[in-house]
Amino acid sequence: LFRSSDPVTETFTTDLDAPKNLKRLSQTENSITLEWKNSLANVHLYRVKFAPLSGGDHIEVSVPRSDQATTKVTLTGLRPGTEYGIGVTAVKDDRESAASTINAATDLDAPRDLEVTGSTETTLSLRWKKPLAKFDRYRIIYISNVGKKSEIEVPGNVNSFILTGLDAGTEYSITIVTEKGRHKSKPASVNGST
């Protein structure tokens, strides 16, 4: 004989699940764009905390959950050529999930205000302003109007250089980039004639 009884009920709260598949989509000199898969829990926003790995204050931003399967955010106002530690948590009411974490770096910034400050028959004098990023060296590439290409490495502690051994009466297209390890900045460019 079977008797019915009252069901036993128990209420419990599950932890909020952390955002998954956190990845860097792109970066510029002063921004990093991130994307992650939304939490299964019905959360309304995410908290993104980030700071330079080399030390410094951490910054926190709140990001509304997207209606899509993933949420994206672009972190702005960052320092060029800097690696950041980034954590993303799901937030609901006064509860917060564990963090999904990633390290991502901004691009190196290019030298600024590159100019030709003088010329002779076989030389061109260059000057520029140093970029903000920490970097190892400059690479100067110069191409004559007849297509002759040369390049030279220059130490990172200088902000001027004289190209020598050039052809007289020739126009040159000159670009300079900063390099750190295998990373390169966008080029700064100028034309000059001997």
N, C-alpha and C. Protein backbone atom coordinates (compact mmCIF):
# COMPACT_ATOMS: atom_id res chain seq x y z
N LEU A 1 0.84 -1.18 0.00
CA LEU A 1 0.00 0.00 0.00
C LEU A 1 0.88 1.25 0.00
N PHE A 2 0.57 2.17 -0.90
CA PHE A 2 1.36 3.40 -0.97
C PHE A 2 0.59 4.56 -0.38
N ARG A 3 1.28 5.37 0.40
CA ARG A 3 0.67 6.57 0.94
C ARG A 3 1.37 7.78 0.36
N SER A 4 0.62 8.82 0.09
CA SER A 4 1.28 10.03 -0.38
C SER A 4 1.75 10.82 0.82
N SER A 5 2.84 11.49 0.63
CA SER A 5 3.35 12.32 1.72
C SER A 5 3.71 13.68 1.16
N ASP A 6 3.95 14.63 2.03
CA ASP A 6 4.36 15.96 1.57
C ASP A 6 5.77 15.87 1.02
N PRO A 7 6.01 16.54 -0.09
CA PRO A 7 7.39 16.50 -0.62
C PRO A 7 8.32 17.30 0.30
N VAL A 8 9.53 16.86 0.32
CA VAL A 8 10.54 17.59 1.09
C VAL A 8 11.12 18.66 0.15
N THR A 9 11.12 19.89 0.60
CA THR A 9 11.71 20.95 -0.23
C THR A 9 12.82 21.61 0.53
N GLU A 10 13.84 21.99 -0.22
CA GLU A 10 14.96 22.69 0.38
C GLU A 10 15.39 23.77 -0.60
N THR A 11 15.64 24.94 -0.09
CA THR A 11 16.08 26.03 -0.95
C THR A 11 17.58 26.21 -0.75
N PHE A 12 18.31 26.29 -1.85
CA PHE A 12 19.73 26.58 -1.73
C PHE A 12 20.14 27.50 -2.87
N THR A 13 21.22 28.22 -2.66
CA THR A 13 21.69 29.18 -3.65
C THR A 13 22.96 28.63 -4.29
N THR A 14 22.97 28.59 -5.59
CA THR A 14 24.19 28.14 -6.29
C THR A 14 25.10 29.34 -6.48
N ASP A 15 26.37 29.05 -6.59
CA ASP A 15 27.33 30.13 -6.87
C ASP A 15 27.07 30.68 -8.27
N LEU A 16 27.36 31.95 -8.43
CA LEU A 16 27.33 32.53 -9.78
C LEU A 16 28.50 31.96 -10.55
N ASP A 17 28.25 31.55 -11.79
CA ASP A 17 29.35 31.04 -12.59
C ASP A 17 30.11 32.20 -13.24
N ALA A 18 31.41 32.02 -13.32
CA ALA A 18 32.28 33.06 -13.89
C ALA A 18 32.07 33.14 -15.40
N PRO A 19 32.31 34.30 -15.99
CA PRO A 19 32.29 34.40 -17.46
C PRO A 19 33.31 33.42 -18.05
N LYS A 20 32.99 32.84 -19.20
CA LYS A 20 33.89 31.85 -19.81
C LYS A 20 34.49 32.39 -21.11
N ASN A 21 35.58 31.74 -21.53
CA ASN A 21 36.24 32.05 -22.82
C ASN A 21 36.61 33.53 -22.93
N LEU A 22 37.14 34.10 -21.86
CA LEU A 22 37.59 35.49 -21.91
C LEU A 22 38.75 35.59 -22.88
N LYS A 23 38.64 36.50 -23.86
CA LYS A 23 39.73 36.65 -24.83
C LYS A 23 39.86 38.11 -25.28
N ARG A 24 41.05 38.42 -25.74
CA ARG A 24 41.34 39.74 -26.31
C ARG A 24 40.98 39.68 -27.79
N LEU A 25 40.12 40.59 -28.23
CA LEU A 25 39.77 40.64 -29.65
C LEU A 25 40.74 41.51 -30.43
N SER A 26 41.14 42.64 -29.83
CA SER A 26 42.02 43.57 -30.53
C SER A 26 42.61 44.54 -29.53
N GLN A 27 43.60 45.31 -29.98
CA GLN A 27 44.19 46.34 -29.14
C GLN A 27 44.74 47.46 -30.01
N THR A 28 44.88 48.65 -29.40
CA THR A 28 45.54 49.79 -30.03
C THR A 28 46.60 50.26 -29.05
N GLU A 29 47.16 51.44 -29.30
CA GLU A 29 48.16 52.00 -28.38
C GLU A 29 47.57 52.27 -26.99
N ASN A 30 46.27 52.60 -26.94
CA ASN A 30 45.69 52.98 -25.65
C ASN A 30 44.35 52.32 -25.34
N SER A 31 44.07 51.18 -26.00
CA SER A 31 42.84 50.45 -25.68
C SER A 31 43.01 48.95 -25.91
N ILE A 32 42.17 48.17 -25.20
CA ILE A 32 42.11 46.72 -25.38
C ILE A 32 40.63 46.34 -25.43
N THR A 33 40.24 45.57 -26.47
CA THR A 33 38.86 45.11 -26.57
C THR A 33 38.79 43.65 -26.18
N LEU A 34 37.86 43.33 -25.26
CA LEU A 34 37.70 41.98 -24.72
C LEU A 34 36.32 41.44 -25.06
N GLU A 35 36.22 40.11 -25.05
CA GLU A 35 34.93 39.45 -25.24
C GLU A 35 34.91 38.21 -24.35
N TRP A 36 33.72 37.88 -23.81
CA TRP A 36 33.57 36.66 -23.04
C TRP A 36 32.18 36.09 -23.25
N LYS A 37 32.07 34.78 -22.95
CA LYS A 37 30.78 34.10 -23.03
C LYS A 37 30.02 34.42 -21.75
N ASN A 38 28.76 34.82 -21.91
CA ASN A 38 27.95 35.20 -20.74
C ASN A 38 27.79 34.03 -19.76
N SER A 39 27.66 34.37 -18.49
CA SER A 39 27.40 33.38 -17.44
C SER A 39 26.04 32.73 -17.67
N LEU A 40 25.89 31.50 -17.20
CA LEU A 40 24.59 30.82 -17.27
C LEU A 40 23.60 31.49 -16.31
N ALA A 41 24.11 31.92 -15.16
CA ALA A 41 23.25 32.59 -14.18
C ALA A 41 22.69 33.88 -14.79
N ASN A 42 21.52 34.26 -14.34
CA ASN A 42 20.87 35.46 -14.87
C ASN A 42 21.44 36.72 -14.20
N VAL A 43 22.59 37.12 -14.68
CA VAL A 43 23.24 38.31 -14.10
C VAL A 43 22.94 39.51 -14.99
N HIS A 44 23.00 40.69 -14.41
CA HIS A 44 22.69 41.90 -15.16
C HIS A 44 23.94 42.64 -15.61
N LEU A 45 25.04 42.44 -14.85
CA LEU A 45 26.25 43.16 -15.25
C LEU A 45 27.49 42.39 -14.86
N TYR A 46 28.59 42.84 -15.47
CA TYR A 46 29.91 42.27 -15.20
C TYR A 46 30.80 43.38 -14.67
N ARG A 47 31.72 42.98 -13.80
CA ARG A 47 32.70 43.93 -13.27
C ARG A 47 34.06 43.57 -13.87
N VAL A 48 34.70 44.55 -14.50
CA VAL A 48 36.01 44.34 -15.10
C VAL A 48 37.02 45.14 -14.29
N LYS A 49 38.03 44.45 -13.76
CA LYS A 49 39.10 45.11 -12.99
C LYS A 49 40.40 44.91 -13.75
N PHE A 50 41.20 45.96 -13.85
CA PHE A 50 42.46 45.82 -14.58
C PHE A 50 43.51 46.77 -14.02
N ALA A 51 44.78 46.35 -14.17
CA ALA A 51 45.91 47.15 -13.71
C ALA A 51 47.15 46.72 -14.49
N PRO A 52 48.12 47.64 -14.65
CA PRO A 52 49.38 47.24 -15.29
C PRO A 52 50.07 46.16 -14.47
N LEU A 53 50.65 45.16 -15.14
CA LEU A 53 51.38 44.10 -14.43
C LEU A 53 52.61 44.65 -13.71
N SER A 54 53.13 45.77 -14.23
CA SER A 54 54.32 46.36 -13.63
C SER A 54 53.99 47.13 -12.35
N GLY A 55 52.71 47.18 -11.99
CA GLY A 55 52.31 47.88 -10.77
C GLY A 55 51.54 49.14 -11.11
N GLY A 56 50.74 49.57 -10.17
CA GLY A 56 49.92 50.75 -10.39
C GLY A 56 48.51 50.49 -9.91
N ASP A 57 47.73 51.56 -9.83
CA ASP A 57 46.37 51.45 -9.33
C ASP A 57 45.52 50.60 -10.27
N HIS A 58 44.60 49.83 -9.66
CA HIS A 58 43.67 49.08 -10.52
C HIS A 58 42.44 49.94 -10.76
N ILE A 59 41.86 49.72 -11.92
CA ILE A 59 40.67 50.45 -12.35
C ILE A 59 39.55 49.43 -12.46
N GLU A 60 38.34 49.87 -12.18
CA GLU A 60 37.18 48.99 -12.20
C GLU A 60 36.09 49.62 -13.05
N VAL A 61 35.51 48.85 -13.96
CA VAL A 61 34.37 49.35 -14.74
C VAL A 61 33.26 48.31 -14.71
N SER A 62 32.02 48.79 -14.74
CA SER A 62 30.86 47.91 -14.81
C SER A 62 30.37 47.86 -16.24
N VAL A 63 30.03 46.66 -16.71
CA VAL A 63 29.61 46.45 -18.09
C VAL A 63 28.27 45.73 -18.09
N PRO A 64 27.22 46.30 -18.69
CA PRO A 64 25.93 45.60 -18.75
C PRO A 64 26.06 44.31 -19.56
N ARG A 65 25.34 43.28 -19.13
CA ARG A 65 25.33 42.02 -19.87
C ARG A 65 24.66 42.25 -21.23
N SER A 66 25.27 41.72 -22.27
CA SER A 66 24.71 41.83 -23.62
C SER A 66 23.54 40.84 -23.79
N ASP A 67 22.64 41.15 -24.70
CA ASP A 67 21.55 40.22 -25.02
C ASP A 67 22.05 39.07 -25.89
N GLN A 68 23.25 39.22 -26.42
CA GLN A 68 23.84 38.17 -27.27
C GLN A 68 24.44 37.07 -26.37
N ALA A 69 25.06 36.08 -26.99
CA ALA A 69 25.69 34.99 -26.22
C ALA A 69 26.97 35.47 -25.55
N THR A 70 27.54 36.54 -26.08
CA THR A 70 28.79 37.07 -25.52
C THR A 70 28.62 38.56 -25.20
N THR A 71 29.49 39.04 -24.33
CA THR A 71 29.53 40.46 -23.99
C THR A 71 30.92 40.98 -24.36
N LYS A 72 30.97 42.21 -24.87
CA LYS A 72 32.25 42.83 -25.26
C LYS A 72 32.41 44.14 -24.53
N VAL A 73 33.67 44.53 -24.31
CA VAL A 73 33.97 45.85 -23.74
C VAL A 73 35.32 46.30 -24.30
N THR A 74 35.45 47.61 -24.50
CA THR A 74 36.74 48.19 -24.87
C THR A 74 37.24 49.03 -23.70
N LEU A 75 38.38 48.63 -23.15
CA LEU A 75 39.02 49.38 -22.06
C LEU A 75 39.84 50.48 -22.70
N THR A 76 39.63 51.73 -22.30
CA THR A 76 40.31 52.87 -22.94
C THR A 76 41.16 53.64 -21.93
N GLY A 77 41.94 54.58 -22.44
CA GLY A 77 42.78 55.40 -21.59
C GLY A 77 43.98 54.64 -21.04
N LEU A 78 44.40 53.59 -21.73
CA LEU A 78 45.52 52.76 -21.27
C LEU A 78 46.85 53.33 -21.75
N ARG A 79 47.94 52.86 -21.11
CA ARG A 79 49.28 53.30 -21.49
C ARG A 79 49.81 52.47 -22.66
N PRO A 80 50.46 53.11 -23.64
CA PRO A 80 51.03 52.35 -24.76
C PRO A 80 52.11 51.37 -24.30
N GLY A 81 52.19 50.24 -25.01
CA GLY A 81 53.25 49.26 -24.76
C GLY A 81 53.25 48.71 -23.36
N THR A 82 52.07 48.53 -22.77
CA THR A 82 51.96 48.09 -21.37
C THR A 82 51.10 46.84 -21.29
N GLU A 83 51.56 45.86 -20.49
CA GLU A 83 50.78 44.64 -20.29
C GLU A 83 49.91 44.80 -19.05
N TYR A 84 48.64 44.44 -19.20
CA TYR A 84 47.67 44.57 -18.12
C TYR A 84 47.18 43.21 -17.66
N GLY A 85 46.96 43.07 -16.36
CA GLY A 85 46.24 41.93 -15.79
C GLY A 85 44.78 42.33 -15.70
N ILE A 86 43.89 41.49 -16.24
CA ILE A 86 42.47 41.84 -16.34
C ILE A 86 41.64 40.70 -15.75
N GLY A 87 40.66 41.04 -14.91
CA GLY A 87 39.74 40.06 -14.35
C GLY A 87 38.30 40.48 -14.61
N VAL A 88 37.44 39.52 -14.96
CA VAL A 88 36.03 39.81 -15.21
C VAL A 88 35.19 38.91 -14.30
N THR A 89 34.26 39.53 -13.54
CA THR A 89 33.36 38.77 -12.68
C THR A 89 31.92 39.06 -13.05
N ALA A 90 31.04 38.10 -12.79
CA ALA A 90 29.60 38.29 -12.95
C ALA A 90 29.06 38.82 -11.62
N VAL A 91 28.13 39.78 -11.69
CA VAL A 91 27.59 40.40 -10.47
C VAL A 91 26.07 40.30 -10.49
N LYS A 92 25.50 39.85 -9.38
CA LYS A 92 24.03 39.83 -9.23
C LYS A 92 23.72 40.23 -7.79
N ASP A 93 22.96 41.30 -7.65
CA ASP A 93 22.65 41.85 -6.33
C ASP A 93 23.97 42.10 -5.58
N ASP A 94 24.14 41.48 -4.41
CA ASP A 94 25.39 41.71 -3.67
C ASP A 94 26.35 40.54 -3.80
N ARG A 95 26.10 39.68 -4.80
CA ARG A 95 26.98 38.52 -4.99
C ARG A 95 27.85 38.71 -6.23
N GLU A 96 29.03 38.11 -6.17
CA GLU A 96 29.98 38.23 -7.28
C GLU A 96 30.62 36.88 -7.53
N SER A 97 30.77 36.51 -8.80
CA SER A 97 31.37 35.22 -9.16
C SER A 97 32.88 35.26 -8.98
N ALA A 98 33.48 34.09 -9.14
CA ALA A 98 34.94 34.05 -9.27
C ALA A 98 35.31 34.79 -10.55
N ALA A 99 36.57 35.17 -10.66
CA ALA A 99 37.01 35.95 -11.82
C ALA A 99 37.56 35.06 -12.93
N SER A 100 37.26 35.44 -14.16
CA SER A 100 38.00 34.93 -15.32
C SER A 100 39.11 35.94 -15.56
N THR A 101 40.32 35.46 -15.80
CA THR A 101 41.45 36.40 -15.92
C THR A 101 42.21 36.20 -17.22
N ILE A 102 42.88 37.27 -17.62
CA ILE A 102 43.70 37.25 -18.84
C ILE A 102 44.73 38.37 -18.72
N ASN A 103 45.87 38.19 -19.36
CA ASN A 103 46.84 39.28 -19.52
C ASN A 103 46.80 39.72 -20.97
N ALA A 104 46.82 41.03 -21.19
CA ALA A 104 46.80 41.57 -22.55
C ALA A 104 47.56 42.88 -22.58
N ALA A 105 48.22 43.15 -23.69
CA ALA A 105 49.07 44.34 -23.80
C ALA A 105 48.56 45.28 -24.88
N THR A 106 48.81 46.56 -24.66
CA THR A 106 48.53 47.58 -25.68
C THR A 106 49.69 47.62 -26.68
N ASP A 107 49.42 48.19 -27.85
CA ASP A 107 50.46 48.34 -28.87
C ASP A 107 51.47 49.41 -28.46
N LEU A 108 52.68 49.30 -29.01
CA LEU A 108 53.68 50.36 -28.87
C LEU A 108 53.20 51.59 -29.65
N ASP A 109 53.47 52.76 -29.14
CA ASP A 109 53.15 53.97 -29.91
C ASP A 109 54.36 54.37 -30.75
N ALA A 110 54.09 55.03 -31.86
CA ALA A 110 55.14 55.42 -32.81
C ALA A 110 55.84 56.69 -32.32
N PRO A 111 57.07 56.92 -32.78
CA PRO A 111 57.70 58.22 -32.54
C PRO A 111 56.82 59.32 -33.13
N ARG A 112 56.85 60.50 -32.53
CA ARG A 112 55.98 61.60 -32.97
C ARG A 112 56.80 62.71 -33.61
N ASP A 113 56.13 63.47 -34.47
CA ASP A 113 56.71 64.69 -35.06
C ASP A 113 58.05 64.44 -35.74
N LEU A 114 58.12 63.36 -36.52
CA LEU A 114 59.33 63.07 -37.30
C LEU A 114 59.53 64.16 -38.34
N GLU A 115 60.73 64.72 -38.39
CA GLU A 115 61.01 65.78 -39.37
C GLU A 115 62.45 65.68 -39.87
N VAL A 116 62.65 66.19 -41.09
CA VAL A 116 63.99 66.34 -41.66
C VAL A 116 64.46 67.73 -41.26
N THR A 117 65.58 67.79 -40.50
CA THR A 117 66.05 69.09 -39.99
C THR A 117 67.21 69.65 -40.79
N GLY A 118 67.75 68.87 -41.74
CA GLY A 118 68.85 69.37 -42.56
C GLY A 118 69.24 68.35 -43.60
N SER A 119 69.94 68.84 -44.65
CA SER A 119 70.38 67.91 -45.69
C SER A 119 71.66 68.43 -46.32
N THR A 120 72.46 67.49 -46.84
CA THR A 120 73.62 67.82 -47.68
C THR A 120 73.47 66.95 -48.93
N GLU A 121 74.49 66.89 -49.76
CA GLU A 121 74.40 66.06 -50.97
C GLU A 121 74.26 64.57 -50.65
N THR A 122 74.79 64.14 -49.49
CA THR A 122 74.77 62.70 -49.18
C THR A 122 74.20 62.37 -47.80
N THR A 123 73.62 63.36 -47.11
CA THR A 123 73.07 63.09 -45.78
C THR A 123 71.69 63.73 -45.59
N LEU A 124 70.93 63.16 -44.68
CA LEU A 124 69.67 63.75 -44.21
C LEU A 124 69.67 63.66 -42.69
N SER A 125 69.41 64.78 -42.04
CA SER A 125 69.33 64.81 -40.57
C SER A 125 67.87 64.69 -40.15
N LEU A 126 67.61 63.79 -39.21
CA LEU A 126 66.25 63.52 -38.74
C LEU A 126 66.13 63.86 -37.25
N ARG A 127 64.93 64.25 -36.86
CA ARG A 127 64.63 64.46 -35.44
C ARG A 127 63.18 64.05 -35.19
N TRP A 128 62.90 63.54 -33.97
CA TRP A 128 61.56 63.11 -33.61
C TRP A 128 61.39 63.19 -32.10
N LYS A 129 60.15 63.04 -31.66
CA LYS A 129 59.86 62.99 -30.22
C LYS A 129 59.68 61.54 -29.81
N LYS A 130 60.23 61.20 -28.64
CA LYS A 130 60.17 59.81 -28.16
C LYS A 130 58.72 59.40 -27.88
N PRO A 131 58.41 58.12 -28.13
CA PRO A 131 57.08 57.62 -27.77
C PRO A 131 56.95 57.46 -26.25
N LEU A 132 55.73 57.21 -25.79
CA LEU A 132 55.47 57.04 -24.36
C LEU A 132 55.85 55.65 -23.86
N ALA A 133 55.71 54.64 -24.72
CA ALA A 133 55.97 53.25 -24.31
C ALA A 133 57.44 53.04 -24.00
N LYS A 134 57.70 52.05 -23.13
CA LYS A 134 59.07 51.59 -22.93
C LYS A 134 59.39 50.67 -24.12
N PHE A 135 60.57 50.86 -24.72
CA PHE A 135 60.92 50.09 -25.91
C PHE A 135 62.42 49.88 -25.95
N ASP A 136 62.89 49.01 -26.87
CA ASP A 136 64.31 48.66 -26.95
C ASP A 136 65.10 49.53 -27.93
N ARG A 137 64.52 49.79 -29.10
CA ARG A 137 65.28 50.43 -30.17
C ARG A 137 64.33 51.02 -31.21
N TYR A 138 64.92 51.82 -32.10
CA TYR A 138 64.21 52.30 -33.28
C TYR A 138 64.72 51.55 -34.50
N ARG A 139 63.89 51.44 -35.51
CA ARG A 139 64.33 50.96 -36.82
C ARG A 139 63.93 52.03 -37.84
N ILE A 140 64.94 52.53 -38.57
CA ILE A 140 64.70 53.54 -39.60
C ILE A 140 64.84 52.85 -40.96
N ILE A 141 63.81 52.99 -41.79
CA ILE A 141 63.81 52.41 -43.13
C ILE A 141 63.71 53.57 -44.12
N TYR A 142 64.62 53.60 -45.08
CA TYR A 142 64.57 54.69 -46.06
C TYR A 142 64.72 54.13 -47.47
N ILE A 143 63.83 54.63 -48.35
CA ILE A 143 63.76 54.13 -49.72
C ILE A 143 63.91 55.33 -50.66
N SER A 144 64.86 55.21 -51.62
CA SER A 144 65.06 56.30 -52.59
C SER A 144 63.96 56.25 -53.64
N ASN A 145 63.82 57.36 -54.40
CA ASN A 145 62.78 57.41 -55.43
C ASN A 145 63.05 56.45 -56.59
N VAL A 146 64.23 55.81 -56.61
CA VAL A 146 64.49 54.77 -57.61
C VAL A 146 64.35 53.37 -57.01
N GLY A 147 63.85 53.30 -55.76
CA GLY A 147 63.52 52.01 -55.16
C GLY A 147 64.61 51.34 -54.36
N LYS A 148 65.72 52.05 -54.11
CA LYS A 148 66.81 51.48 -53.31
C LYS A 148 66.42 51.58 -51.83
N LYS A 149 66.34 50.41 -51.16
CA LYS A 149 65.86 50.36 -49.77
C LYS A 149 67.01 50.04 -48.82
N SER A 150 67.06 50.77 -47.71
CA SER A 150 68.04 50.50 -46.66
C SER A 150 67.34 50.60 -45.31
N GLU A 151 67.91 49.93 -44.31
CA GLU A 151 67.37 50.11 -42.95
C GLU A 151 68.51 50.05 -41.94
N ILE A 152 68.26 50.69 -40.81
CA ILE A 152 69.28 50.77 -39.78
C ILE A 152 68.61 50.75 -38.42
N GLU A 153 69.25 50.06 -37.45
CA GLU A 153 68.77 50.07 -36.07
C GLU A 153 69.44 51.21 -35.33
N VAL A 154 68.67 51.90 -34.50
CA VAL A 154 69.17 53.05 -33.74
C VAL A 154 68.82 52.81 -32.27
N PRO A 155 69.74 53.10 -31.35
CA PRO A 155 69.45 52.90 -29.92
C PRO A 155 68.22 53.70 -29.47
N GLY A 156 67.52 53.17 -28.48
CA GLY A 156 66.29 53.79 -28.00
C GLY A 156 66.49 55.06 -27.20
N ASN A 157 67.74 55.40 -26.88
CA ASN A 157 67.97 56.59 -26.03
C ASN A 157 68.26 57.85 -26.84
N VAL A 158 68.09 57.81 -28.16
CA VAL A 158 68.33 59.00 -28.98
C VAL A 158 67.03 59.49 -29.60
N ASN A 159 66.98 60.74 -30.01
CA ASN A 159 65.79 61.25 -30.71
C ASN A 159 66.18 62.04 -31.95
N SER A 160 67.40 61.77 -32.44
CA SER A 160 67.82 62.36 -33.72
C SER A 160 68.84 61.41 -34.34
N PHE A 161 68.99 61.52 -35.66
CA PHE A 161 69.93 60.64 -36.35
C PHE A 161 70.25 61.24 -37.71
N ILE A 162 71.49 61.01 -38.19
CA ILE A 162 71.89 61.48 -39.52
C ILE A 162 72.07 60.26 -40.43
N LEU A 163 71.25 60.20 -41.48
CA LEU A 163 71.42 59.16 -42.50
C LEU A 163 72.56 59.59 -43.41
N THR A 164 73.54 58.70 -43.59
CA THR A 164 74.73 59.05 -44.40
C THR A 164 74.83 58.11 -45.60
N GLY A 165 75.73 58.47 -46.53
CA GLY A 165 75.98 57.63 -47.70
C GLY A 165 74.83 57.62 -48.69
N LEU A 166 74.05 58.71 -48.71
CA LEU A 166 72.91 58.79 -49.61
C LEU A 166 73.33 59.27 -50.99
N ASP A 167 72.46 59.09 -51.97
CA ASP A 167 72.73 59.55 -53.33
C ASP A 167 72.35 61.03 -53.45
N ALA A 168 73.18 61.80 -54.13
CA ALA A 168 72.92 63.23 -54.29
C ALA A 168 71.69 63.47 -55.16
N GLY A 169 70.98 64.55 -54.87
CA GLY A 169 69.83 64.95 -55.68
C GLY A 169 68.73 63.92 -55.73
N THR A 170 68.52 63.22 -54.62
CA THR A 170 67.55 62.11 -54.59
C THR A 170 66.52 62.34 -53.49
N GLU A 171 65.26 61.99 -53.79
CA GLU A 171 64.22 62.06 -52.76
C GLU A 171 64.12 60.71 -52.06
N TYR A 172 63.98 60.77 -50.73
CA TYR A 172 63.86 59.56 -49.92
C TYR A 172 62.55 59.57 -49.14
N SER A 173 61.93 58.39 -49.06
CA SER A 173 60.79 58.17 -48.19
C SER A 173 61.33 57.48 -46.93
N ILE A 174 61.11 58.09 -45.78
CA ILE A 174 61.73 57.63 -44.53
C ILE A 174 60.64 57.26 -43.53
N THR A 175 60.75 56.07 -42.94
CA THR A 175 59.84 55.67 -41.87
C THR A 175 60.67 55.23 -40.67
N ILE A 176 60.09 55.45 -39.48
CA ILE A 176 60.74 55.01 -38.25
C ILE A 176 59.70 54.32 -37.38
N VAL A 177 60.09 53.19 -36.79
CA VAL A 177 59.21 52.46 -35.87
C VAL A 177 59.98 52.20 -34.57
N THR A 178 59.23 52.03 -33.49
CA THR A 178 59.84 51.58 -32.24
C THR A 178 59.67 50.07 -32.17
N GLU A 179 60.63 49.40 -31.53
CA GLU A 179 60.59 47.95 -31.40
C GLU A 179 60.87 47.55 -29.95
N LYS A 180 60.13 46.54 -29.51
CA LYS A 180 60.37 45.93 -28.19
C LYS A 180 60.21 44.45 -28.38
N GLY A 181 61.32 43.71 -28.26
CA GLY A 181 61.27 42.28 -28.58
C GLY A 181 60.85 42.13 -30.03
N ARG A 182 59.79 41.35 -30.27
CA ARG A 182 59.31 41.16 -31.65
C ARG A 182 58.16 42.10 -32.00
N HIS A 183 57.81 42.98 -31.06
CA HIS A 183 56.69 43.91 -31.30
C HIS A 183 57.18 45.20 -31.94
N LYS A 184 56.37 45.73 -32.86
CA LYS A 184 56.71 46.98 -33.56
C LYS A 184 55.54 47.94 -33.48
N SER A 185 55.87 49.24 -33.45
CA SER A 185 54.82 50.26 -33.50
C SER A 185 54.38 50.48 -34.94
N LYS A 186 53.32 51.26 -35.12
CA LYS A 186 53.00 51.75 -36.45
C LYS A 186 54.11 52.71 -36.85
N PRO A 187 54.33 52.93 -38.14
CA PRO A 187 55.43 53.82 -38.54
C PRO A 187 55.07 55.30 -38.48
N ALA A 188 56.09 56.11 -38.24
CA ALA A 188 56.01 57.55 -38.48
C ALA A 188 56.78 57.78 -39.77
N SER A 189 56.29 58.66 -40.65
CA SER A 189 56.89 58.80 -41.98
C SER A 189 57.15 60.25 -42.34
N VAL A 190 58.17 60.46 -43.18
CA VAL A 190 58.48 61.79 -43.70
C VAL A 190 59.25 61.60 -45.01
N ASN A 191 59.20 62.60 -45.90
CA ASN A 191 60.01 62.57 -47.12
C ASN A 191 61.09 63.64 -46.99
N GLY A 192 62.25 63.37 -47.61
CA GLY A 192 63.34 64.34 -47.61
C GLY A 192 64.20 64.17 -48.85
N SER A 193 64.85 65.25 -49.26
CA SER A 193 65.70 65.19 -50.46
C SER A 193 67.11 65.67 -50.14
N THR A 194 68.09 64.99 -50.75
CA THR A 194 69.50 65.40 -50.61
C THR A 194 69.78 66.52 -51.59
